[in-house]
Amino acid sequence: MSFHPNILLIPIAYLIGSISFAVVVSKCMRLPDPHTYGSGNPGATNVLRTGNKSAAVLTLIGDALKGYFAVMLARIILGDESLTSTLSSWVLCGVVLAVFLGHLFPIFHGFKGGKGVATACGILFGVNVILGIATLSTWIIVATFLRYSSLAALAAAIFGPIYFVFLFGFQPMGIALFVVCLLLIWRHRSNIRNLMNGTESRIGSKKTPKESS
């Protein structure tokens, strides 16, 4: 079996995902390392606990764009068959998983990554804009009414693969998105415990000591 050069898109996607914008933005804006306060999670919600909204927004945008960029780069290189051709579709699935795993376990930051909410959102927009809008709307609705970022993320993670199947039927990408969903839920296991115990912090709360959420 000959080597297919497009497979190189998978490790490239992992390297793109390994760029932690929470760490990069914090260093550029002279903020504390996001691993050292709040939840210890290098993500936009934790960066927001510094009180610097600009840093949180930049982190959110950066983490989302890297997911979107990795998927769109792969789709452009793979061409129109990226969602239909057997080999191309599985390569695209590999790209989706690789960029997400890069965010969770970044090689550039000691494999200590975030929980993947923004990156997953970027991935979904890269796969399909309508899919991204539907999933993002789910996050916004839950976050707006309940004020729990983690609960909103869990709801969006669960509905993302469901929306995909509803829009496109059963395809390999649906499997990849389901794996992303499981990984995201696993990364939020401490938040799930906190939600059940009533100790989960709400959006915008400031907590400088490192906590479990």
N, C-alpha and C. Protein backbone atom coordinates (compact mmCIF):
# COMPACT_ATOMS: atom_id res chain seq x y z
N MET A 1 0.86 -1.20 0.00
CA MET A 1 0.00 0.00 0.00
C MET A 1 0.89 1.24 0.00
N SER A 2 0.70 2.14 -0.97
CA SER A 2 1.54 3.32 -1.09
C SER A 2 1.15 4.39 -0.06
N PHE A 3 2.15 5.19 0.31
CA PHE A 3 1.92 6.27 1.27
C PHE A 3 1.18 7.41 0.59
N HIS A 4 0.13 7.90 1.25
CA HIS A 4 -0.64 9.01 0.71
C HIS A 4 -0.20 10.29 1.40
N PRO A 5 0.34 11.27 0.67
CA PRO A 5 0.89 12.49 1.30
C PRO A 5 -0.14 13.28 2.11
N ASN A 6 -1.41 13.15 1.78
CA ASN A 6 -2.44 13.90 2.51
C ASN A 6 -2.55 13.48 3.97
N ILE A 7 -2.03 12.29 4.28
CA ILE A 7 -2.06 11.83 5.66
C ILE A 7 -1.22 12.74 6.56
N LEU A 8 -0.26 13.44 5.96
CA LEU A 8 0.57 14.38 6.72
C LEU A 8 -0.26 15.52 7.32
N LEU A 9 -1.47 15.71 6.80
CA LEU A 9 -2.35 16.74 7.35
C LEU A 9 -2.71 16.44 8.80
N ILE A 10 -2.68 15.18 9.18
CA ILE A 10 -3.07 14.80 10.55
C ILE A 10 -2.05 15.29 11.58
N PRO A 11 -0.74 14.98 11.43
CA PRO A 11 0.22 15.53 12.40
C PRO A 11 0.32 17.05 12.35
N ILE A 12 0.12 17.63 11.16
CA ILE A 12 0.13 19.09 11.06
C ILE A 12 -1.02 19.68 11.88
N ALA A 13 -2.17 19.04 11.81
CA ALA A 13 -3.34 19.49 12.59
C ALA A 13 -3.05 19.40 14.08
N TYR A 14 -2.36 18.34 14.49
CA TYR A 14 -2.02 18.20 15.92
C TYR A 14 -1.12 19.35 16.37
N LEU A 15 -0.16 19.72 15.56
CA LEU A 15 0.75 20.82 15.91
C LEU A 15 -0.01 22.15 15.98
N ILE A 16 -0.94 22.34 15.08
CA ILE A 16 -1.77 23.56 15.11
C ILE A 16 -2.59 23.59 16.41
N GLY A 17 -3.18 22.45 16.74
CA GLY A 17 -3.98 22.37 17.97
C GLY A 17 -3.16 22.56 19.22
N SER A 18 -1.87 22.27 19.15
CA SER A 18 -1.00 22.37 20.32
C SER A 18 -0.65 23.79 20.72
N ILE A 19 -1.02 24.75 19.89
CA ILE A 19 -0.79 26.16 20.25
C ILE A 19 -1.86 26.58 21.24
N SER A 20 -1.48 26.78 22.49
CA SER A 20 -2.43 27.19 23.54
C SER A 20 -2.51 28.71 23.58
N PHE A 21 -3.60 29.25 23.10
CA PHE A 21 -3.72 30.71 23.05
C PHE A 21 -3.93 31.32 24.43
N ALA A 22 -4.40 30.54 25.39
CA ALA A 22 -4.50 31.05 26.76
C ALA A 22 -3.12 31.38 27.29
N VAL A 23 -2.16 30.52 27.00
CA VAL A 23 -0.78 30.73 27.45
C VAL A 23 -0.14 31.85 26.64
N VAL A 24 -0.32 31.82 25.33
CA VAL A 24 0.30 32.82 24.45
C VAL A 24 -0.22 34.23 24.77
N VAL A 25 -1.55 34.36 24.87
CA VAL A 25 -2.15 35.66 25.16
C VAL A 25 -1.74 36.15 26.54
N SER A 26 -1.74 35.25 27.51
CA SER A 26 -1.37 35.64 28.88
C SER A 26 0.06 36.15 28.94
N LYS A 27 0.97 35.49 28.23
CA LYS A 27 2.36 35.94 28.20
C LYS A 27 2.48 37.30 27.52
N CYS A 28 1.78 37.48 26.42
CA CYS A 28 1.86 38.74 25.68
C CYS A 28 1.27 39.90 26.48
N MET A 29 0.25 39.62 27.29
CA MET A 29 -0.42 40.67 28.06
C MET A 29 0.05 40.71 29.51
N ARG A 30 1.13 39.96 29.78
CA ARG A 30 1.75 39.94 31.11
C ARG A 30 0.76 39.56 32.22
N LEU A 31 -0.01 38.53 31.95
CA LEU A 31 -0.95 37.98 32.92
C LEU A 31 -0.36 36.70 33.51
N PRO A 32 -0.86 36.23 34.65
CA PRO A 32 -0.35 34.99 35.23
C PRO A 32 -0.59 33.79 34.29
N ASP A 33 0.24 32.80 34.43
CA ASP A 33 0.05 31.55 33.68
C ASP A 33 -1.31 30.97 34.05
N PRO A 34 -2.18 30.71 33.07
CA PRO A 34 -3.53 30.21 33.38
C PRO A 34 -3.55 28.86 34.09
N HIS A 35 -2.41 28.16 34.10
CA HIS A 35 -2.34 26.89 34.83
C HIS A 35 -2.27 27.11 36.34
N THR A 36 -2.02 28.35 36.78
CA THR A 36 -1.70 28.60 38.19
C THR A 36 -2.84 29.22 39.00
N TYR A 37 -3.99 29.46 38.38
CA TYR A 37 -5.09 30.06 39.14
C TYR A 37 -6.43 29.50 38.66
N GLY A 38 -7.48 29.82 39.40
CA GLY A 38 -8.82 29.36 39.04
C GLY A 38 -8.89 27.86 38.91
N SER A 39 -9.37 27.40 37.76
CA SER A 39 -9.49 25.97 37.51
C SER A 39 -8.18 25.35 37.07
N GLY A 40 -7.19 26.20 36.73
CA GLY A 40 -5.93 25.68 36.19
C GLY A 40 -6.05 25.30 34.74
N ASN A 41 -7.20 25.57 34.15
CA ASN A 41 -7.46 25.21 32.76
C ASN A 41 -7.06 26.35 31.83
N PRO A 42 -6.18 26.10 30.85
CA PRO A 42 -5.79 27.14 29.91
C PRO A 42 -6.86 27.37 28.86
N GLY A 43 -7.90 28.07 29.27
CA GLY A 43 -9.01 28.36 28.37
C GLY A 43 -9.57 29.74 28.63
N ALA A 44 -10.48 30.19 27.79
CA ALA A 44 -11.01 31.55 27.87
C ALA A 44 -11.75 31.82 29.17
N THR A 45 -12.53 30.84 29.65
CA THR A 45 -13.30 31.04 30.87
C THR A 45 -12.38 31.27 32.06
N ASN A 46 -11.29 30.53 32.12
CA ASN A 46 -10.37 30.70 33.23
C ASN A 46 -9.59 32.01 33.12
N VAL A 47 -9.19 32.37 31.90
CA VAL A 47 -8.49 33.63 31.69
C VAL A 47 -9.38 34.80 32.10
N LEU A 48 -10.69 34.66 31.90
CA LEU A 48 -11.63 35.71 32.28
C LEU A 48 -11.58 36.00 33.78
N ARG A 49 -11.16 35.01 34.57
CA ARG A 49 -11.10 35.19 36.02
C ARG A 49 -10.03 36.19 36.45
N THR A 50 -9.14 36.55 35.53
CA THR A 50 -8.16 37.60 35.83
C THR A 50 -8.81 38.97 35.80
N GLY A 51 -10.01 39.05 35.24
CA GLY A 51 -10.68 40.32 35.09
C GLY A 51 -10.37 41.00 33.77
N ASN A 52 -9.49 40.40 32.98
CA ASN A 52 -9.10 40.97 31.69
C ASN A 52 -9.97 40.35 30.59
N LYS A 53 -11.03 41.06 30.23
CA LYS A 53 -11.97 40.54 29.24
C LYS A 53 -11.35 40.45 27.86
N SER A 54 -10.46 41.39 27.54
CA SER A 54 -9.81 41.37 26.22
C SER A 54 -8.98 40.10 26.05
N ALA A 55 -8.26 39.72 27.11
CA ALA A 55 -7.44 38.52 27.06
C ALA A 55 -8.31 37.28 26.88
N ALA A 56 -9.45 37.25 27.57
CA ALA A 56 -10.36 36.11 27.45
C ALA A 56 -10.92 36.01 26.04
N VAL A 57 -11.30 37.15 25.47
CA VAL A 57 -11.86 37.16 24.11
C VAL A 57 -10.82 36.71 23.10
N LEU A 58 -9.58 37.21 23.23
CA LEU A 58 -8.52 36.81 22.32
C LEU A 58 -8.22 35.31 22.43
N THR A 59 -8.26 34.79 23.66
CA THR A 59 -8.05 33.36 23.87
C THR A 59 -9.14 32.55 23.19
N LEU A 60 -10.38 32.99 23.38
CA LEU A 60 -11.53 32.31 22.77
C LEU A 60 -11.42 32.29 21.26
N ILE A 61 -11.11 33.45 20.68
CA ILE A 61 -11.01 33.56 19.22
C ILE A 61 -9.86 32.71 18.69
N GLY A 62 -8.71 32.78 19.37
CA GLY A 62 -7.55 32.01 18.92
C GLY A 62 -7.78 30.52 18.95
N ASP A 63 -8.35 30.03 20.06
CA ASP A 63 -8.59 28.59 20.18
C ASP A 63 -9.63 28.10 19.18
N ALA A 64 -10.63 28.96 18.89
CA ALA A 64 -11.64 28.58 17.91
C ALA A 64 -11.06 28.60 16.50
N LEU A 65 -10.28 29.63 16.19
CA LEU A 65 -9.73 29.76 14.84
C LEU A 65 -8.77 28.64 14.48
N LYS A 66 -8.01 28.14 15.48
CA LYS A 66 -7.07 27.07 15.14
C LYS A 66 -7.82 25.80 14.74
N GLY A 67 -8.96 25.54 15.39
CA GLY A 67 -9.77 24.39 14.99
C GLY A 67 -10.35 24.58 13.61
N TYR A 68 -10.84 25.79 13.36
CA TYR A 68 -11.42 26.11 12.05
C TYR A 68 -10.35 26.06 10.96
N PHE A 69 -9.19 26.64 11.24
CA PHE A 69 -8.11 26.70 10.24
C PHE A 69 -7.63 25.30 9.86
N ALA A 70 -7.44 24.44 10.86
CA ALA A 70 -6.94 23.09 10.58
C ALA A 70 -7.90 22.31 9.69
N VAL A 71 -9.19 22.43 9.98
CA VAL A 71 -10.20 21.70 9.19
C VAL A 71 -10.32 22.30 7.79
N MET A 72 -10.35 23.62 7.69
CA MET A 72 -10.49 24.26 6.38
C MET A 72 -9.26 24.02 5.51
N LEU A 73 -8.07 24.05 6.13
CA LEU A 73 -6.85 23.76 5.38
C LEU A 73 -6.93 22.36 4.78
N ALA A 74 -7.38 21.41 5.58
CA ALA A 74 -7.51 20.03 5.09
C ALA A 74 -8.56 19.93 3.99
N ARG A 75 -9.67 20.61 4.16
CA ARG A 75 -10.74 20.54 3.16
C ARG A 75 -10.28 21.15 1.83
N ILE A 76 -9.50 22.23 1.91
CA ILE A 76 -9.01 22.86 0.68
C ILE A 76 -8.04 21.93 -0.04
N ILE A 77 -7.14 21.30 0.70
CA ILE A 77 -6.15 20.40 0.10
C ILE A 77 -6.80 19.12 -0.41
N LEU A 78 -7.74 18.59 0.36
CA LEU A 78 -8.41 17.35 -0.03
C LEU A 78 -9.41 17.57 -1.15
N GLY A 79 -9.92 18.79 -1.29
CA GLY A 79 -10.85 19.10 -2.37
C GLY A 79 -12.29 18.77 -2.03
N ASP A 80 -13.13 18.78 -3.06
CA ASP A 80 -14.56 18.58 -2.89
C ASP A 80 -14.92 17.20 -2.36
N GLU A 81 -13.98 16.25 -2.45
CA GLU A 81 -14.29 14.88 -2.04
C GLU A 81 -14.01 14.64 -0.55
N SER A 82 -13.68 15.71 0.19
CA SER A 82 -13.29 15.54 1.59
C SER A 82 -14.40 14.98 2.46
N LEU A 83 -15.64 15.14 2.04
CA LEU A 83 -16.76 14.59 2.82
C LEU A 83 -17.43 13.41 2.13
N THR A 84 -16.92 13.02 0.96
CA THR A 84 -17.55 11.91 0.23
C THR A 84 -16.58 10.78 -0.08
N SER A 85 -15.39 11.10 -0.54
CA SER A 85 -14.40 10.07 -0.86
C SER A 85 -13.99 9.34 0.41
N THR A 86 -13.87 8.03 0.33
CA THR A 86 -13.57 7.23 1.51
C THR A 86 -12.27 7.64 2.17
N LEU A 87 -11.18 7.67 1.39
CA LEU A 87 -9.88 8.02 1.96
C LEU A 87 -9.86 9.45 2.46
N SER A 88 -10.33 10.38 1.65
CA SER A 88 -10.31 11.79 2.04
C SER A 88 -11.16 12.06 3.27
N SER A 89 -12.30 11.40 3.35
CA SER A 89 -13.19 11.62 4.50
C SER A 89 -12.55 11.13 5.79
N TRP A 90 -11.83 10.01 5.71
CA TRP A 90 -11.17 9.49 6.92
C TRP A 90 -9.96 10.34 7.28
N VAL A 91 -9.28 10.90 6.28
CA VAL A 91 -8.18 11.82 6.58
C VAL A 91 -8.72 13.06 7.27
N LEU A 92 -9.85 13.57 6.79
CA LEU A 92 -10.46 14.74 7.41
C LEU A 92 -10.89 14.42 8.84
N CYS A 93 -11.40 13.21 9.05
CA CYS A 93 -11.74 12.79 10.41
C CYS A 93 -10.51 12.78 11.31
N GLY A 94 -9.40 12.30 10.74
CA GLY A 94 -8.14 12.29 11.49
C GLY A 94 -7.68 13.68 11.84
N VAL A 95 -7.88 14.63 10.92
CA VAL A 95 -7.53 16.03 11.17
C VAL A 95 -8.36 16.59 12.31
N VAL A 96 -9.65 16.32 12.29
CA VAL A 96 -10.55 16.79 13.35
C VAL A 96 -10.09 16.29 14.71
N LEU A 97 -9.81 15.00 14.81
CA LEU A 97 -9.38 14.42 16.08
C LEU A 97 -8.00 14.93 16.48
N ALA A 98 -7.11 15.10 15.50
CA ALA A 98 -5.74 15.53 15.80
C ALA A 98 -5.68 16.95 16.35
N VAL A 99 -6.41 17.88 15.73
CA VAL A 99 -6.37 19.25 16.20
C VAL A 99 -7.02 19.37 17.58
N PHE A 100 -8.04 18.55 17.83
CA PHE A 100 -8.69 18.57 19.14
C PHE A 100 -7.77 17.97 20.21
N LEU A 101 -7.13 16.86 19.89
CA LEU A 101 -6.19 16.24 20.83
C LEU A 101 -4.99 17.14 21.06
N GLY A 102 -4.61 17.91 20.02
CA GLY A 102 -3.52 18.85 20.20
C GLY A 102 -3.86 19.91 21.24
N HIS A 103 -5.10 20.35 21.25
CA HIS A 103 -5.52 21.32 22.25
C HIS A 103 -5.56 20.70 23.64
N LEU A 104 -6.05 19.47 23.73
CA LEU A 104 -6.13 18.79 25.03
C LEU A 104 -4.76 18.43 25.57
N PHE A 105 -3.87 17.99 24.68
CA PHE A 105 -2.54 17.53 25.09
C PHE A 105 -1.47 18.19 24.21
N PRO A 106 -1.24 19.49 24.39
CA PRO A 106 -0.32 20.23 23.51
C PRO A 106 1.14 19.91 23.75
N ILE A 107 1.84 19.55 22.72
CA ILE A 107 3.25 19.20 22.83
C ILE A 107 4.09 20.42 23.20
N PHE A 108 3.61 21.62 22.86
CA PHE A 108 4.36 22.85 23.15
C PHE A 108 4.23 23.32 24.59
N HIS A 109 3.28 22.75 25.34
CA HIS A 109 3.00 23.22 26.69
C HIS A 109 2.94 22.07 27.70
N GLY A 110 3.84 21.14 27.53
CA GLY A 110 3.94 20.03 28.48
C GLY A 110 2.73 19.13 28.52
N PHE A 111 1.99 19.07 27.42
CA PHE A 111 0.79 18.22 27.30
C PHE A 111 -0.29 18.61 28.31
N LYS A 112 -0.24 19.85 28.80
CA LYS A 112 -1.26 20.35 29.73
C LYS A 112 -2.14 21.35 28.99
N GLY A 113 -3.21 20.84 28.42
CA GLY A 113 -4.08 21.67 27.59
C GLY A 113 -5.41 21.99 28.21
N GLY A 114 -6.25 22.61 27.41
CA GLY A 114 -7.57 23.02 27.86
C GLY A 114 -8.61 21.94 27.69
N LYS A 115 -9.85 22.35 27.81
CA LYS A 115 -10.95 21.39 27.75
C LYS A 115 -11.56 21.28 26.36
N GLY A 116 -11.23 22.22 25.48
CA GLY A 116 -11.55 22.04 24.07
C GLY A 116 -12.85 22.63 23.56
N VAL A 117 -13.52 23.45 24.36
CA VAL A 117 -14.82 23.96 23.94
C VAL A 117 -14.70 24.86 22.72
N ALA A 118 -13.84 25.87 22.79
CA ALA A 118 -13.69 26.81 21.67
C ALA A 118 -13.13 26.11 20.43
N THR A 119 -12.16 25.23 20.64
CA THR A 119 -11.57 24.51 19.51
C THR A 119 -12.60 23.61 18.84
N ALA A 120 -13.44 22.95 19.64
CA ALA A 120 -14.50 22.11 19.08
C ALA A 120 -15.47 22.95 18.27
N CYS A 121 -15.77 24.15 18.75
CA CYS A 121 -16.66 25.05 18.02
C CYS A 121 -16.05 25.42 16.67
N GLY A 122 -14.76 25.74 16.66
CA GLY A 122 -14.09 26.06 15.41
C GLY A 122 -14.10 24.89 14.44
N ILE A 123 -13.90 23.70 14.98
CA ILE A 123 -13.94 22.48 14.16
C ILE A 123 -15.30 22.34 13.47
N LEU A 124 -16.36 22.53 14.25
CA LEU A 124 -17.71 22.37 13.71
C LEU A 124 -18.00 23.39 12.61
N PHE A 125 -17.54 24.62 12.79
CA PHE A 125 -17.72 25.63 11.73
C PHE A 125 -16.90 25.25 10.50
N GLY A 126 -15.74 24.63 10.70
CA GLY A 126 -14.94 24.18 9.58
C GLY A 126 -15.60 23.06 8.79
N VAL A 127 -16.28 22.19 9.52
CA VAL A 127 -16.98 21.08 8.86
C VAL A 127 -18.18 21.60 8.09
N ASN A 128 -18.98 22.47 8.73
CA ASN A 128 -20.15 23.04 8.08
C ASN A 128 -20.64 24.23 8.89
N VAL A 129 -20.91 25.34 8.23
CA VAL A 129 -21.30 26.57 8.92
C VAL A 129 -22.62 26.39 9.67
N ILE A 130 -23.59 25.75 9.04
CA ILE A 130 -24.89 25.55 9.69
C ILE A 130 -24.74 24.69 10.94
N LEU A 131 -23.89 23.66 10.84
CA LEU A 131 -23.62 22.80 11.99
C LEU A 131 -23.00 23.62 13.11
N GLY A 132 -22.07 24.49 12.77
CA GLY A 132 -21.43 25.34 13.77
C GLY A 132 -22.41 26.28 14.43
N ILE A 133 -23.26 26.90 13.64
CA ILE A 133 -24.24 27.85 14.18
C ILE A 133 -25.22 27.15 15.11
N ALA A 134 -25.69 25.98 14.71
CA ALA A 134 -26.64 25.24 15.53
C ALA A 134 -26.04 24.86 16.88
N THR A 135 -24.80 24.39 16.86
CA THR A 135 -24.14 23.96 18.10
C THR A 135 -23.80 25.17 18.97
N LEU A 136 -23.29 26.24 18.36
CA LEU A 136 -22.97 27.45 19.11
C LEU A 136 -24.23 28.04 19.74
N SER A 137 -25.35 27.99 19.02
CA SER A 137 -26.61 28.49 19.57
C SER A 137 -27.03 27.71 20.81
N THR A 138 -26.76 26.42 20.80
CA THR A 138 -27.07 25.60 21.97
C THR A 138 -26.26 26.06 23.17
N TRP A 139 -24.96 26.32 22.93
CA TRP A 139 -24.10 26.81 24.03
C TRP A 139 -24.60 28.15 24.55
N ILE A 140 -24.92 29.06 23.66
CA ILE A 140 -25.36 30.40 24.06
C ILE A 140 -26.64 30.36 24.87
N ILE A 141 -27.59 29.55 24.44
CA ILE A 141 -28.88 29.46 25.14
C ILE A 141 -28.69 28.94 26.56
N VAL A 142 -27.95 27.85 26.71
CA VAL A 142 -27.73 27.27 28.04
C VAL A 142 -26.91 28.22 28.91
N ALA A 143 -25.87 28.81 28.34
CA ALA A 143 -25.01 29.71 29.11
C ALA A 143 -25.76 30.97 29.54
N THR A 144 -26.61 31.48 28.67
CA THR A 144 -27.35 32.71 28.98
C THR A 144 -28.35 32.51 30.11
N PHE A 145 -29.05 31.41 30.08
CA PHE A 145 -30.11 31.20 31.07
C PHE A 145 -29.61 30.57 32.37
N LEU A 146 -28.59 29.73 32.30
CA LEU A 146 -28.13 29.02 33.49
C LEU A 146 -26.80 29.54 34.03
N ARG A 147 -26.05 30.28 33.20
CA ARG A 147 -24.79 30.91 33.63
C ARG A 147 -23.70 29.94 34.01
N TYR A 148 -23.76 28.74 33.48
CA TYR A 148 -22.71 27.77 33.71
C TYR A 148 -22.03 27.45 32.38
N SER A 149 -20.79 27.85 32.24
CA SER A 149 -20.06 27.59 31.00
C SER A 149 -19.89 26.09 30.76
N SER A 150 -19.61 25.36 31.82
CA SER A 150 -19.38 23.92 31.69
C SER A 150 -20.64 23.19 31.26
N LEU A 151 -21.78 23.56 31.82
CA LEU A 151 -23.04 22.91 31.45
C LEU A 151 -23.40 23.23 30.00
N ALA A 152 -23.15 24.47 29.60
CA ALA A 152 -23.40 24.86 28.22
C ALA A 152 -22.51 24.06 27.26
N ALA A 153 -21.25 23.86 27.67
CA ALA A 153 -20.31 23.10 26.84
C ALA A 153 -20.75 21.64 26.72
N LEU A 154 -21.21 21.07 27.81
CA LEU A 154 -21.66 19.68 27.80
C LEU A 154 -22.87 19.51 26.90
N ALA A 155 -23.81 20.46 26.99
CA ALA A 155 -25.00 20.40 26.15
C ALA A 155 -24.63 20.51 24.67
N ALA A 156 -23.75 21.45 24.36
CA ALA A 156 -23.32 21.63 22.97
C ALA A 156 -22.57 20.41 22.46
N ALA A 157 -21.74 19.81 23.33
CA ALA A 157 -20.98 18.63 22.93
C ALA A 157 -21.90 17.46 22.58
N ILE A 158 -22.95 17.32 23.35
CA ILE A 158 -23.88 16.22 23.11
C ILE A 158 -24.69 16.44 21.83
N PHE A 159 -25.12 17.68 21.62
CA PHE A 159 -25.98 17.95 20.48
C PHE A 159 -25.21 18.09 19.16
N GLY A 160 -23.90 18.41 19.23
CA GLY A 160 -23.13 18.57 18.01
C GLY A 160 -23.21 17.37 17.07
N PRO A 161 -22.85 16.17 17.54
CA PRO A 161 -22.95 14.99 16.66
C PRO A 161 -24.38 14.70 16.23
N ILE A 162 -25.35 14.99 17.11
CA ILE A 162 -26.75 14.77 16.75
C ILE A 162 -27.15 15.68 15.60
N TYR A 163 -26.75 16.95 15.68
CA TYR A 163 -27.05 17.88 14.59
C TYR A 163 -26.41 17.40 13.29
N PHE A 164 -25.18 16.89 13.38
CA PHE A 164 -24.49 16.44 12.17
C PHE A 164 -25.26 15.31 11.49
N VAL A 165 -25.67 14.32 12.28
CA VAL A 165 -26.43 13.19 11.72
C VAL A 165 -27.74 13.66 11.13
N PHE A 166 -28.38 14.61 11.82
CA PHE A 166 -29.66 15.15 11.31
C PHE A 166 -29.46 15.85 9.98
N LEU A 167 -28.35 16.57 9.83
CA LEU A 167 -28.08 17.34 8.61
C LEU A 167 -27.53 16.49 7.47
N PHE A 168 -26.66 15.52 7.81
CA PHE A 168 -25.91 14.81 6.76
C PHE A 168 -26.05 13.29 6.80
N GLY A 169 -26.75 12.78 7.77
CA GLY A 169 -26.88 11.33 7.88
C GLY A 169 -25.65 10.71 8.52
N PHE A 170 -25.56 9.40 8.46
CA PHE A 170 -24.45 8.69 9.08
C PHE A 170 -23.25 8.65 8.13
N GLN A 171 -22.19 9.36 8.53
CA GLN A 171 -20.95 9.42 7.76
C GLN A 171 -19.78 9.28 8.73
N PRO A 172 -18.58 9.01 8.21
CA PRO A 172 -17.41 8.88 9.08
C PRO A 172 -17.20 10.10 9.98
N MET A 173 -17.49 11.30 9.48
CA MET A 173 -17.31 12.50 10.28
C MET A 173 -18.18 12.47 11.54
N GLY A 174 -19.33 11.85 11.44
CA GLY A 174 -20.18 11.73 12.61
C GLY A 174 -19.50 10.95 13.73
N ILE A 175 -18.73 9.93 13.35
CA ILE A 175 -17.98 9.14 14.33
C ILE A 175 -16.91 10.01 14.98
N ALA A 176 -16.19 10.77 14.16
CA ALA A 176 -15.14 11.65 14.69
C ALA A 176 -15.72 12.67 15.66
N LEU A 177 -16.85 13.26 15.32
CA LEU A 177 -17.47 14.25 16.19
C LEU A 177 -17.99 13.60 17.47
N PHE A 178 -18.42 12.37 17.38
CA PHE A 178 -18.87 11.66 18.58
C PHE A 178 -17.69 11.43 19.53
N VAL A 179 -16.53 11.09 18.97
CA VAL A 179 -15.32 10.91 19.79
C VAL A 179 -14.94 12.24 20.45
N VAL A 180 -15.01 13.32 19.69
CA VAL A 180 -14.74 14.65 20.24
C VAL A 180 -15.69 14.93 21.40
N CYS A 181 -16.96 14.58 21.22
CA CYS A 181 -17.96 14.76 22.27
C CYS A 181 -17.57 14.00 23.54
N LEU A 182 -17.17 12.74 23.40
CA LEU A 182 -16.78 11.93 24.55
C LEU A 182 -15.55 12.51 25.25
N LEU A 183 -14.58 12.96 24.46
CA LEU A 183 -13.37 13.55 25.03
C LEU A 183 -13.70 14.83 25.79
N LEU A 184 -14.59 15.65 25.23
CA LEU A 184 -14.95 16.89 25.87
C LEU A 184 -15.67 16.63 27.19
N ILE A 185 -16.57 15.64 27.19
CA ILE A 185 -17.26 15.27 28.42
C ILE A 185 -16.27 14.76 29.45
N TRP A 186 -15.31 13.95 29.02
CA TRP A 186 -14.29 13.43 29.93
C TRP A 186 -13.47 14.55 30.54
N ARG A 187 -13.13 15.55 29.74
CA ARG A 187 -12.35 16.68 30.25
C ARG A 187 -13.15 17.53 31.24
N HIS A 188 -14.46 17.39 31.21
CA HIS A 188 -15.31 18.16 32.11
C HIS A 188 -15.80 17.32 33.30
N ARG A 189 -15.13 16.20 33.57
CA ARG A 189 -15.61 15.32 34.63
C ARG A 189 -15.61 16.00 36.00
N SER A 190 -14.61 16.85 36.28
CA SER A 190 -14.60 17.56 37.56
C SER A 190 -15.74 18.58 37.61
N ASN A 191 -16.04 19.20 36.48
CA ASN A 191 -17.15 20.15 36.42
C ASN A 191 -18.48 19.45 36.64
N ILE A 192 -18.60 18.23 36.11
CA ILE A 192 -19.83 17.46 36.31
C ILE A 192 -20.03 17.18 37.79
N ARG A 193 -18.94 16.80 38.48
CA ARG A 193 -19.04 16.58 39.93
C ARG A 193 -19.44 17.86 40.65
N ASN A 194 -18.84 18.98 40.25
CA ASN A 194 -19.17 20.25 40.89
C ASN A 194 -20.61 20.67 40.64
N LEU A 195 -21.10 20.41 39.43
CA LEU A 195 -22.49 20.72 39.11
C LEU A 195 -23.44 19.90 39.98
N MET A 196 -23.11 18.65 40.17
CA MET A 196 -23.94 17.77 40.99
C MET A 196 -23.88 18.17 42.46
N ASN A 197 -22.73 18.71 42.89
CA ASN A 197 -22.57 19.12 44.30
C ASN A 197 -23.01 20.55 44.54
N GLY A 198 -23.31 21.29 43.47
CA GLY A 198 -23.72 22.67 43.62
C GLY A 198 -22.57 23.62 43.88
N THR A 199 -21.35 23.22 43.52
CA THR A 199 -20.17 24.05 43.79
C THR A 199 -19.53 24.61 42.52
N GLU A 200 -20.13 24.38 41.38
CA GLU A 200 -19.56 24.87 40.13
C GLU A 200 -19.68 26.39 40.05
N SER A 201 -18.60 27.06 39.65
CA SER A 201 -18.61 28.52 39.54
C SER A 201 -19.35 28.95 38.29
N ARG A 202 -19.98 30.10 38.37
CA ARG A 202 -20.74 30.63 37.26
C ARG A 202 -19.86 31.50 36.36
N ILE A 203 -20.34 31.78 35.17
CA ILE A 203 -19.61 32.60 34.21
C ILE A 203 -19.34 33.98 34.80
N GLY A 204 -18.08 34.41 34.72
CA GLY A 204 -17.70 35.73 35.18
C GLY A 204 -17.22 35.79 36.61
N SER A 205 -17.29 34.67 37.35
CA SER A 205 -16.83 34.68 38.74
C SER A 205 -15.31 34.75 38.77
N LYS A 206 -14.77 35.43 39.76
CA LYS A 206 -13.32 35.60 39.89
C LYS A 206 -12.85 34.79 41.08
N LYS A 207 -11.99 33.80 40.79
CA LYS A 207 -11.41 32.99 41.85
C LYS A 207 -9.95 32.79 41.54
N THR A 208 -9.11 33.38 42.35
CA THR A 208 -7.67 33.27 42.09
C THR A 208 -7.03 32.01 42.63
N PRO A 209 -7.44 31.46 43.79
CA PRO A 209 -6.84 30.22 44.22
C PRO A 209 -7.19 29.10 43.27
N LYS A 210 -6.26 28.20 43.07
CA LYS A 210 -6.53 27.10 42.13
C LYS A 210 -7.58 26.20 42.71
N GLU A 211 -8.61 25.93 41.91
CA GLU A 211 -9.72 25.11 42.33
C GLU A 211 -9.83 23.90 41.45
N SER A 212 -10.82 23.05 41.73
CA SER A 212 -10.91 21.77 41.02
C SER A 212 -11.69 21.85 39.72
N SER A 213 -12.46 22.93 39.50
CA SER A 213 -13.32 22.98 38.33
C SER A 213 -12.54 23.27 37.06
